[in-house]
C-alpha atoms as a PDB file:
ATOM      1  CA  UNK A   1      13.757 -10.257 -15.872  1.00  0.00           C
ATOM      2  CA  UNK A   2      13.208 -11.089 -12.233  1.00  0.00           C
ATOM      3  CA  UNK A   3      11.991  -9.308  -9.128  1.00  0.00           C
ATOM      4  CA  UNK A   4      12.133  -9.732  -5.386  1.00  0.00           C
ATOM      5  CA  UNK A   5       8.667  -9.233  -3.955  1.00  0.00           C
ATOM      6  CA  UNK A   6       7.222  -9.493  -0.462  1.00  0.00           C
ATOM      7  CA  UNK A   7       4.179 -11.769  -0.310  1.00  0.00           C
ATOM      8  CA  UNK A   8       2.435 -12.491   3.014  1.00  0.00           C
ATOM      9  CA  UNK A   9       5.453 -11.359   5.039  1.00  0.00           C
ATOM     10  CA  UNK A  10       8.021 -13.423   3.106  1.00  0.00           C
ATOM     11  CA  UNK A  11      10.363 -12.400   0.292  1.00  0.00           C
ATOM     12  CA  UNK A  12      10.426 -14.369  -2.963  1.00  0.00           C
ATOM     13  CA  UNK A  13      12.575 -14.115  -6.087  1.00  0.00           C
ATOM     14  CA  UNK A  14      10.085 -14.433  -8.949  1.00  0.00           C
ATOM     15  CA  UNK A  15      10.239 -14.632 -12.738  1.00  0.00           C
ATOM     16  CA  UNK A  16       7.476 -14.616 -15.346  1.00  0.00           C
ATOM     17  CA  UNK A  17       5.495 -17.903 -15.653  1.00  0.00           C
ATOM     18  CA  UNK A  18       7.042 -19.282 -12.432  1.00  0.00           C
ATOM     19  CA  UNK A  19       4.812 -21.238 -10.027  1.00  0.00           C
ATOM     20  CA  UNK A  20       5.421 -20.954  -6.278  1.00  0.00           C
ATOM     21  CA  UNK A  21       3.695 -21.839  -3.016  1.00  0.00           C
ATOM     22  CA  UNK A  22       3.039 -19.013  -0.542  1.00  0.00           C
ATOM     23  CA  UNK A  23       1.157 -18.843   2.733  1.00  0.00           C
ATOM     24  CA  UNK A  24      -2.626 -18.911   2.285  1.00  0.00           C
ATOM     25  CA  UNK A  25      -3.969 -15.814   0.522  1.00  0.00           C
ATOM     26  CA  UNK A  26      -7.525 -14.535   0.897  1.00  0.00           C
ATOM     27  CA  UNK A  27      -8.325 -14.777  -2.824  1.00  0.00           C
ATOM     28  CA  UNK A  28     -10.489 -17.030  -4.935  1.00  0.00           C
ATOM     29  CA  UNK A  29      -9.011 -19.708  -7.198  1.00  0.00           C
ATOM     30  CA  UNK A  30      -8.552 -18.372 -10.714  1.00  0.00           C
ATOM     31  CA  UNK A  31      -8.504 -14.736  -9.619  1.00  0.00           C
ATOM     32  CA  UNK A  32      -5.693 -12.267 -10.239  1.00  0.00           C
ATOM     33  CA  UNK A  33      -3.836 -10.468  -7.432  1.00  0.00           C
ATOM     34  CA  UNK A  34      -1.392  -7.525  -7.590  1.00  0.00           C
ATOM     35  CA  UNK A  35       1.530  -7.139  -5.192  1.00  0.00           C
ATOM     36  CA  UNK A  36       2.939  -3.616  -4.968  1.00  0.00           C
ATOM     37  CA  UNK A  37       5.703  -4.227  -2.395  1.00  0.00           C
ATOM     38  CA  UNK A  38       8.462  -4.964  -4.924  1.00  0.00           C
ATOM     39  CA  UNK A  39      11.880  -4.637  -3.299  1.00  0.00           C
ATOM     40  CA  UNK A  40      14.130  -5.136  -6.355  1.00  0.00           C
ATOM     41  CA  UNK A  41      13.699  -5.366 -10.112  1.00  0.00           C
ATOM     42  CA  UNK A  42      16.389  -6.686 -12.497  1.00  0.00           C
ATOM     43  CA  UNK A  43      15.654  -5.948 -16.162  1.00  0.00           C
ATOM     44  CA  UNK A  44      18.431  -7.608 -18.234  1.00  0.00           C
ATOM     45  CA  UNK A  45      21.267  -6.454 -15.983  1.00  0.00           C
ATOM     46  CA  UNK A  46      19.736  -3.075 -15.093  1.00  0.00           C
ATOM     47  CA  UNK A  47      19.041  -3.379 -11.369  1.00  0.00           C
ATOM     48  CA  UNK A  48      16.556  -1.082  -9.640  1.00  0.00           C
ATOM     49  CA  UNK A  49      16.636  -1.318  -5.835  1.00  0.00           C
ATOM     50  CA  UNK A  50      13.865   0.251  -3.785  1.00  0.00           C
ATOM     51  CA  UNK A  51      14.127   2.059  -0.487  1.00  0.00           C
ATOM     52  CA  UNK A  52      12.254   0.064   0.804  1.00  0.00           C
ATOM     53  CA  UNK A  53      10.046  -0.560  -2.271  1.00  0.00           C
ATOM     54  CA  UNK A  54      10.441   0.324  -5.952  1.00  0.00           C
ATOM     55  CA  UNK A  55       8.043   3.114  -6.920  1.00  0.00           C
ATOM     56  CA  UNK A  56       5.461   2.158  -9.550  1.00  0.00           C
ATOM     57  CA  UNK A  57       6.511  -1.504  -9.724  1.00  0.00           C
ATOM     58  CA  UNK A  58       4.049  -4.333  -9.288  1.00  0.00           C
ATOM     59  CA  UNK A  59       3.832  -8.074  -9.736  1.00  0.00           C
ATOM     60  CA  UNK A  60       0.603  -9.612 -11.015  1.00  0.00           C
ATOM     61  CA  UNK A  61      -0.098 -13.229 -10.076  1.00  0.00           C
ATOM     62  CA  UNK A  62      -2.874 -15.721 -10.770  1.00  0.00           C
ATOM     63  CA  UNK A  63      -4.142 -17.937  -7.949  1.00  0.00           C
ATOM     64  CA  UNK A  64      -4.067 -21.544  -9.139  1.00  0.00           C
ATOM     65  CA  UNK A  65      -5.185 -23.508  -6.069  1.00  0.00           C
ATOM     66  CA  UNK A  66      -5.336 -23.680  -2.293  1.00  0.00           C
ATOM     67  CA  UNK A  67      -3.511 -26.710  -0.865  1.00  0.00           C
ATOM     68  CA  UNK A  68      -2.232 -28.144   2.401  1.00  0.00           C
ATOM     69  CA  UNK A  69       1.433 -28.884   2.976  1.00  0.00           C
ATOM     70  CA  UNK A  70       2.945 -32.100   4.279  1.00  0.00           C
ATOM     71  CA  UNK A  71       2.245 -33.098   7.867  1.00  0.00           C
ATOM     72  CA  UNK A  72       4.872 -31.997  10.378  1.00  0.00           C
ATOM     73  CA  UNK A  73       5.012 -33.968  13.625  1.00  0.00           C
ATOM     74  CA  UNK A  74       6.045 -32.136  16.795  1.00  0.00           C
ATOM     75  CA  UNK A  75       7.116 -34.546  19.549  1.00  0.00           C
ATOM     76  CA  UNK A  76       7.904 -33.328  23.051  1.00  0.00           C
ATOM     77  CA  UNK A  77       9.369 -35.480  25.806  1.00  0.00           C
ATOM     78  CA  UNK A  78      10.908 -34.990  29.211  1.00  0.00           C
ATOM     79  CA  UNK A  79      13.145 -37.862  30.182  1.00  0.00           C
ATOM     80  CA  UNK A  80      12.447 -39.844  33.346  1.00  0.00           C
ATOM     81  CA  UNK A  81       9.204 -37.907  33.959  1.00  0.00           C
ATOM     82  CA  UNK A  82       6.778 -39.926  31.834  1.00  0.00           C
ATOM     83  CA  UNK A  83       5.838 -36.832  29.835  1.00  0.00           C
ATOM     84  CA  UNK A  84       5.256 -37.307  26.116  1.00  0.00           C
ATOM     85  CA  UNK A  85       3.212 -35.183  23.750  1.00  0.00           C
ATOM     86  CA  UNK A  86       2.696 -35.636  20.007  1.00  0.00           C
ATOM     87  CA  UNK A  87       1.200 -32.871  17.903  1.00  0.00           C
ATOM     88  CA  UNK A  88       0.665 -32.744  14.136  1.00  0.00           C
ATOM     89  CA  UNK A  89       0.374 -29.701  11.901  1.00  0.00           C
ATOM     90  CA  UNK A  90      -0.366 -29.088   8.201  1.00  0.00           C
ATOM     91  CA  UNK A  91       0.363 -25.604   6.874  1.00  0.00           C
ATOM     92  CA  UNK A  92      -2.105 -23.998   4.458  1.00  0.00           C
ATOM     93  CA  UNK A  93      -0.582 -22.819   1.176  1.00  0.00           C
ATOM     94  CA  UNK A  94      -1.717 -21.091  -2.005  1.00  0.00           C
ATOM     95  CA  UNK A  95      -0.173 -22.042  -5.334  1.00  0.00           C
ATOM     96  CA  UNK A  96       0.318 -18.989  -7.553  1.00  0.00           C
ATOM     97  CA  UNK A  97       1.698 -18.351 -11.019  1.00  0.00           C
ATOM     98  CA  UNK A  98       3.524 -15.127 -11.890  1.00  0.00           C
ATOM     99  CA  UNK A  99       1.692 -13.439 -14.776  1.00  0.00           C
ATOM    100  CA  UNK A 100       3.715 -10.256 -15.240  1.00  0.00           C
ATOM    101  CA  UNK A 101       6.351  -8.035 -13.665  1.00  0.00           C
ATOM    102  CA  UNK A 102       6.005  -4.341 -14.449  1.00  0.00           C
ATOM    103  CA  UNK A 103       8.469  -1.636 -13.417  1.00  0.00           C
ATOM    104  CA  UNK A 104       7.914   1.959 -14.479  1.00  0.00           C
END
């Protein structure tokens, strides 16, 4: 059984006991969060597609940790002008584990 769920503006294909990284969620570590915007549910070949969301379906996840991603360097340069700019960025992520997928 898998589902396609929208979490923090992005769509993820999730299965039970899967661990994924999503953009930072406002939840404590160890807490449980429900996501009700489930776009598709596949239960052993029986596909239920929502318009836009499946009614009564939800995905329950457990927040494992809050982490930072790898550093991304942004380098800007204009040739022959002497202009150079270096900027670094580390995205904030939340690691979650899928506890259950329920579709009524």
